[in-house]
N, C-alpha and C. Protein backbone atom coordinates (compact mmCIF):
# COMPACT_ATOMS: atom_id res chain seq x y z
N MET A 1 37.27 -15.46 -15.35
CA MET A 1 37.37 -15.66 -16.78
C MET A 1 37.91 -17.05 -17.07
N GLN A 2 38.93 -17.48 -16.31
CA GLN A 2 39.51 -18.79 -16.56
C GLN A 2 38.52 -19.90 -16.27
N THR A 3 37.64 -19.70 -15.29
CA THR A 3 36.62 -20.70 -14.98
C THR A 3 35.72 -20.93 -16.18
N TYR A 4 35.20 -19.84 -16.76
CA TYR A 4 34.32 -19.99 -17.90
C TYR A 4 35.08 -20.43 -19.14
N ALA A 5 36.29 -19.92 -19.33
CA ALA A 5 37.08 -20.32 -20.50
C ALA A 5 37.34 -21.81 -20.48
N SER A 6 37.67 -22.36 -19.32
CA SER A 6 37.94 -23.79 -19.24
C SER A 6 36.66 -24.60 -19.49
N ARG A 7 35.51 -24.08 -19.06
CA ARG A 7 34.25 -24.79 -19.31
C ARG A 7 33.91 -24.79 -20.80
N PHE A 8 34.19 -23.70 -21.48
CA PHE A 8 33.86 -23.63 -22.90
C PHE A 8 34.80 -24.48 -23.75
N THR A 9 35.97 -24.83 -23.24
CA THR A 9 36.85 -25.72 -24.01
C THR A 9 36.26 -27.12 -24.09
N GLU A 10 35.32 -27.43 -23.20
CA GLU A 10 34.64 -28.73 -23.23
C GLU A 10 33.68 -28.83 -24.42
N TYR A 11 33.32 -27.71 -25.01
CA TYR A 11 32.40 -27.70 -26.15
C TYR A 11 33.20 -27.97 -27.42
N THR A 12 33.40 -29.25 -27.71
CA THR A 12 34.17 -29.62 -28.90
C THR A 12 33.28 -29.81 -30.11
N SER A 13 31.99 -29.88 -29.88
CA SER A 13 31.04 -29.95 -30.99
C SER A 13 29.89 -29.01 -30.64
N GLY A 14 28.86 -29.03 -31.42
CA GLY A 14 27.75 -28.14 -31.13
C GLY A 14 27.88 -26.86 -31.91
N SER A 15 27.26 -25.81 -31.38
CA SER A 15 27.26 -24.56 -32.14
C SER A 15 27.23 -23.33 -31.25
N PHE A 16 27.68 -22.24 -31.82
CA PHE A 16 27.62 -20.93 -31.21
C PHE A 16 26.80 -20.07 -32.17
N LYS A 17 25.72 -19.49 -31.68
CA LYS A 17 24.84 -18.73 -32.56
C LYS A 17 24.59 -17.35 -31.96
N ILE A 18 24.94 -16.29 -32.71
CA ILE A 18 24.64 -14.94 -32.26
C ILE A 18 23.15 -14.71 -32.46
N THR A 19 22.45 -14.36 -31.38
CA THR A 19 21.00 -14.20 -31.44
C THR A 19 20.58 -12.75 -31.56
N SER A 20 21.42 -11.81 -31.07
CA SER A 20 21.09 -10.40 -31.22
C SER A 20 22.31 -9.54 -30.92
N THR A 21 22.27 -8.33 -31.42
CA THR A 21 23.29 -7.32 -31.12
C THR A 21 22.58 -6.00 -30.86
N ARG A 22 23.22 -5.16 -30.08
CA ARG A 22 22.62 -3.86 -29.77
C ARG A 22 23.74 -2.83 -29.61
N ASP A 23 23.58 -1.68 -30.22
CA ASP A 23 24.52 -0.57 -30.07
C ASP A 23 24.08 0.23 -28.84
N ASP A 24 24.92 0.24 -27.80
CA ASP A 24 24.59 0.97 -26.57
C ASP A 24 25.12 2.40 -26.58
N GLY A 25 25.72 2.81 -27.69
CA GLY A 25 26.25 4.17 -27.79
C GLY A 25 27.65 4.28 -27.21
N ASP A 26 28.32 5.35 -27.52
CA ASP A 26 29.69 5.63 -27.04
C ASP A 26 30.66 4.49 -27.35
N GLY A 27 30.45 3.82 -28.48
CA GLY A 27 31.37 2.76 -28.89
C GLY A 27 31.21 1.46 -28.12
N GLU A 28 30.10 1.31 -27.39
CA GLU A 28 29.84 0.07 -26.66
C GLU A 28 28.69 -0.69 -27.29
N PHE A 29 28.82 -2.04 -27.27
CA PHE A 29 27.84 -2.90 -27.90
C PHE A 29 27.53 -4.08 -26.99
N PHE A 30 26.35 -4.64 -27.18
CA PHE A 30 25.89 -5.79 -26.42
C PHE A 30 25.62 -6.90 -27.44
N VAL A 31 26.26 -8.05 -27.26
CA VAL A 31 26.11 -9.17 -28.18
C VAL A 31 25.58 -10.37 -27.40
N SER A 32 24.47 -10.93 -27.86
CA SER A 32 23.88 -12.10 -27.21
C SER A 32 24.11 -13.32 -28.08
N MET A 33 24.43 -14.43 -27.44
CA MET A 33 24.62 -15.66 -28.20
C MET A 33 24.09 -16.85 -27.42
N GLU A 34 23.86 -17.92 -28.16
CA GLU A 34 23.38 -19.17 -27.61
C GLU A 34 24.43 -20.23 -27.91
N VAL A 35 24.87 -20.93 -26.89
CA VAL A 35 25.87 -21.98 -27.04
C VAL A 35 25.20 -23.32 -26.80
N SER A 36 25.28 -24.18 -27.80
CA SER A 36 24.67 -25.51 -27.70
C SER A 36 25.75 -26.58 -27.83
N THR A 37 25.65 -27.62 -27.02
CA THR A 37 26.65 -28.69 -27.05
C THR A 37 26.41 -29.65 -28.20
N GLY A 38 25.20 -29.72 -28.67
CA GLY A 38 24.87 -30.69 -29.70
C GLY A 38 24.48 -32.04 -29.12
N GLU A 39 24.55 -32.17 -27.80
CA GLU A 39 24.16 -33.41 -27.12
C GLU A 39 22.64 -33.47 -27.03
N PRO A 40 22.06 -34.67 -27.19
CA PRO A 40 20.61 -34.80 -27.07
C PRO A 40 20.14 -34.37 -25.67
N ASN A 41 19.01 -33.68 -25.61
CA ASN A 41 18.37 -33.25 -24.37
C ASN A 41 19.17 -32.22 -23.57
N SER A 42 20.24 -31.67 -24.12
CA SER A 42 20.99 -30.64 -23.37
C SER A 42 20.40 -29.27 -23.67
N GLU A 43 20.39 -28.44 -22.65
CA GLU A 43 19.86 -27.09 -22.78
C GLU A 43 20.98 -26.16 -23.26
N PRO A 44 20.67 -25.20 -24.10
CA PRO A 44 21.70 -24.24 -24.52
C PRO A 44 22.08 -23.32 -23.37
N VAL A 45 23.27 -22.76 -23.45
CA VAL A 45 23.75 -21.77 -22.48
C VAL A 45 23.66 -20.42 -23.16
N PHE A 46 23.09 -19.44 -22.47
CA PHE A 46 22.95 -18.11 -23.03
C PHE A 46 24.05 -17.22 -22.48
N VAL A 47 24.81 -16.64 -23.39
CA VAL A 47 25.96 -15.83 -23.02
C VAL A 47 25.84 -14.47 -23.70
N ASP A 48 26.03 -13.41 -22.94
CA ASP A 48 26.04 -12.06 -23.48
C ASP A 48 27.44 -11.47 -23.27
N TYR A 49 27.86 -10.70 -24.25
CA TYR A 49 29.15 -10.02 -24.17
C TYR A 49 28.92 -8.53 -24.27
N ARG A 50 29.58 -7.78 -23.42
CA ARG A 50 29.61 -6.33 -23.55
C ARG A 50 30.97 -5.99 -24.12
N VAL A 51 30.97 -5.34 -25.25
CA VAL A 51 32.22 -5.00 -25.93
C VAL A 51 32.27 -3.50 -26.17
N ARG A 52 33.50 -3.00 -26.31
CA ARG A 52 33.67 -1.58 -26.64
C ARG A 52 34.79 -1.45 -27.65
N GLU A 53 34.70 -0.37 -28.39
CA GLU A 53 35.74 -0.10 -29.36
C GLU A 53 37.05 0.14 -28.64
N ALA A 54 38.08 -0.53 -29.12
CA ALA A 54 39.42 -0.36 -28.55
C ALA A 54 40.20 0.56 -29.48
N SER A 55 41.42 0.77 -29.18
CA SER A 55 42.31 1.71 -29.85
C SER A 55 42.27 1.69 -31.38
N GLY A 56 41.17 2.06 -31.93
CA GLY A 56 41.09 2.15 -33.38
C GLY A 56 39.80 1.60 -33.93
N LYS A 57 39.48 2.03 -35.09
CA LYS A 57 38.24 1.60 -35.73
C LYS A 57 38.29 0.11 -36.04
N ASN A 58 37.17 -0.56 -35.83
CA ASN A 58 37.01 -1.99 -36.09
C ASN A 58 37.85 -2.89 -35.19
N LYS A 59 38.29 -2.38 -34.07
CA LYS A 59 38.96 -3.21 -33.05
C LYS A 59 38.11 -3.12 -31.80
N PHE A 60 37.78 -4.29 -31.24
CA PHE A 60 36.90 -4.31 -30.09
C PHE A 60 37.49 -5.15 -28.97
N ALA A 61 37.10 -4.83 -27.74
CA ALA A 61 37.55 -5.58 -26.57
C ALA A 61 36.34 -5.93 -25.71
N VAL A 62 36.29 -7.16 -25.24
CA VAL A 62 35.23 -7.60 -24.34
C VAL A 62 35.56 -7.06 -22.95
N PHE A 63 34.58 -6.39 -22.32
CA PHE A 63 34.83 -5.90 -20.97
C PHE A 63 33.89 -6.52 -19.94
N ASP A 64 32.92 -7.31 -20.39
CA ASP A 64 32.08 -8.05 -19.45
C ASP A 64 31.47 -9.24 -20.18
N ILE A 65 31.34 -10.34 -19.46
CA ILE A 65 30.68 -11.53 -19.98
C ILE A 65 29.57 -11.86 -19.00
N ILE A 66 28.38 -12.07 -19.54
CA ILE A 66 27.21 -12.36 -18.71
C ILE A 66 26.73 -13.76 -19.10
N VAL A 67 26.89 -14.71 -18.17
CA VAL A 67 26.51 -16.09 -18.43
C VAL A 67 25.25 -16.39 -17.64
N GLU A 68 24.20 -16.77 -18.37
CA GLU A 68 22.91 -17.10 -17.76
C GLU A 68 22.45 -15.98 -16.82
N GLY A 69 22.68 -14.72 -17.22
CA GLY A 69 22.22 -13.57 -16.45
C GLY A 69 23.15 -13.10 -15.36
N VAL A 70 24.29 -13.77 -15.16
CA VAL A 70 25.23 -13.39 -14.11
C VAL A 70 26.43 -12.67 -14.74
N SER A 71 26.60 -11.40 -14.37
CA SER A 71 27.68 -10.58 -14.91
C SER A 71 28.98 -10.87 -14.20
N MET A 72 30.00 -11.19 -14.98
CA MET A 72 31.31 -11.46 -14.37
C MET A 72 31.89 -10.20 -13.74
N ILE A 73 31.69 -9.04 -14.36
CA ILE A 73 32.27 -7.81 -13.82
C ILE A 73 31.60 -7.45 -12.49
N THR A 74 30.29 -7.66 -12.38
CA THR A 74 29.59 -7.38 -11.13
C THR A 74 30.01 -8.37 -10.05
N THR A 75 30.12 -9.64 -10.42
CA THR A 75 30.55 -10.67 -9.48
C THR A 75 31.96 -10.38 -8.97
N GLN A 76 32.85 -10.03 -9.88
CA GLN A 76 34.23 -9.74 -9.51
C GLN A 76 34.30 -8.52 -8.59
N ARG A 77 33.52 -7.50 -8.90
CA ARG A 77 33.49 -6.29 -8.06
C ARG A 77 33.05 -6.64 -6.64
N SER A 78 32.04 -7.51 -6.51
CA SER A 78 31.55 -7.92 -5.18
C SER A 78 32.62 -8.72 -4.43
N GLU A 79 33.32 -9.60 -5.14
CA GLU A 79 34.38 -10.38 -4.51
C GLU A 79 35.50 -9.47 -4.03
N PHE A 80 35.90 -8.50 -4.85
CA PHE A 80 36.95 -7.56 -4.46
C PHE A 80 36.53 -6.77 -3.22
N ALA A 81 35.27 -6.30 -3.20
CA ALA A 81 34.79 -5.52 -2.06
C ALA A 81 34.82 -6.36 -0.79
N SER A 82 34.47 -7.63 -0.89
CA SER A 82 34.47 -8.51 0.27
C SER A 82 35.89 -8.71 0.81
N VAL A 83 36.85 -8.93 -0.08
CA VAL A 83 38.24 -9.12 0.35
C VAL A 83 38.76 -7.84 1.00
N ILE A 84 38.46 -6.69 0.42
CA ILE A 84 38.93 -5.41 0.99
C ILE A 84 38.29 -5.18 2.35
N THR A 85 37.01 -5.53 2.51
CA THR A 85 36.32 -5.36 3.80
C THR A 85 36.96 -6.25 4.87
N ASN A 86 37.30 -7.49 4.50
CA ASN A 86 37.85 -8.44 5.48
C ASN A 86 39.35 -8.31 5.67
N HIS A 87 40.04 -7.69 4.73
CA HIS A 87 41.49 -7.54 4.82
C HIS A 87 41.83 -6.09 4.49
N ASP A 88 42.51 -5.85 3.39
CA ASP A 88 42.77 -4.50 2.91
C ASP A 88 43.17 -4.57 1.44
N VAL A 89 43.39 -3.40 0.84
CA VAL A 89 43.70 -3.35 -0.59
C VAL A 89 45.02 -4.05 -0.89
N ASP A 90 46.02 -3.88 -0.03
CA ASP A 90 47.32 -4.53 -0.26
C ASP A 90 47.17 -6.06 -0.30
N TYR A 91 46.33 -6.60 0.56
CA TYR A 91 46.09 -8.05 0.57
C TYR A 91 45.45 -8.47 -0.75
N LEU A 92 44.46 -7.72 -1.21
CA LEU A 92 43.80 -8.03 -2.48
C LEU A 92 44.82 -8.04 -3.62
N ILE A 93 45.65 -7.04 -3.67
CA ILE A 93 46.66 -6.94 -4.73
C ILE A 93 47.63 -8.12 -4.67
N SER A 94 48.06 -8.48 -3.48
CA SER A 94 48.99 -9.61 -3.36
C SER A 94 48.34 -10.92 -3.78
N GLN A 95 47.06 -11.11 -3.45
CA GLN A 95 46.35 -12.31 -3.86
C GLN A 95 46.17 -12.37 -5.37
N MET A 96 45.84 -11.25 -5.97
CA MET A 96 45.69 -11.19 -7.42
C MET A 96 47.02 -11.48 -8.12
N ALA A 97 48.09 -10.93 -7.59
CA ALA A 97 49.42 -11.14 -8.19
C ALA A 97 49.82 -12.61 -8.10
N SER A 98 49.58 -13.24 -6.95
CA SER A 98 49.97 -14.65 -6.80
C SER A 98 49.13 -15.56 -7.70
N LYS A 99 47.87 -15.24 -7.88
CA LYS A 99 47.02 -16.04 -8.76
C LYS A 99 47.40 -15.83 -10.22
N ALA A 100 47.78 -14.63 -10.58
CA ALA A 100 48.19 -14.36 -11.97
C ALA A 100 49.46 -15.13 -12.31
N ILE A 101 50.37 -15.23 -11.37
CA ILE A 101 51.63 -15.96 -11.60
C ILE A 101 51.37 -17.46 -11.70
N ALA A 102 50.46 -17.97 -10.86
CA ALA A 102 50.20 -19.41 -10.81
C ALA A 102 49.26 -19.89 -11.92
N ALA A 103 48.46 -19.00 -12.48
CA ALA A 103 47.44 -19.42 -13.45
C ALA A 103 48.06 -19.72 -14.81
N PRO A 104 47.62 -20.82 -15.42
CA PRO A 104 48.07 -21.11 -16.79
C PRO A 104 47.39 -20.14 -17.76
N ALA A 105 48.02 -19.87 -18.85
CA ALA A 105 47.44 -19.00 -19.85
C ALA A 105 46.19 -19.65 -20.45
N ILE A 106 45.18 -18.84 -20.73
CA ILE A 106 43.97 -19.36 -21.36
C ILE A 106 44.35 -19.90 -22.73
N GLY A 107 43.91 -21.09 -23.00
CA GLY A 107 44.21 -21.72 -24.28
C GLY A 107 45.51 -22.50 -24.28
N ALA A 108 46.23 -22.49 -23.14
CA ALA A 108 47.49 -23.25 -23.07
C ALA A 108 47.19 -24.75 -23.06
N LYS A 109 48.02 -25.50 -23.72
CA LYS A 109 47.83 -26.95 -23.78
C LYS A 109 48.24 -27.58 -22.44
N LYS A 110 47.44 -28.55 -22.00
CA LYS A 110 47.77 -29.29 -20.78
C LYS A 110 48.56 -30.52 -21.16
N ASN A 111 49.53 -30.85 -20.34
CA ASN A 111 50.34 -32.07 -20.60
C ASN A 111 49.71 -33.27 -19.97
């Protein structure tokens, strides 16, 4: 998530356009958008979000981001499986904890 979030902070101009939405049932929705930099000859980036209703009506949470057809949740699941195969669950948890402590908050200002 931080990789994509940091890339999108580079988009200081341009546009974000919702191109379609779909109700997948059970409080889950699929939102497609096109992100354009506004730079001449640049291709737009297509981003899809899978969202679900969170604790209450009209509150939603993103649970997957699909950039150019690549699902972050599927990619993350594959990475976790690889780490568990090569090490174990305790190693995965310790690595996740150390990265969470070291990672700057999304949207935090850099000095």
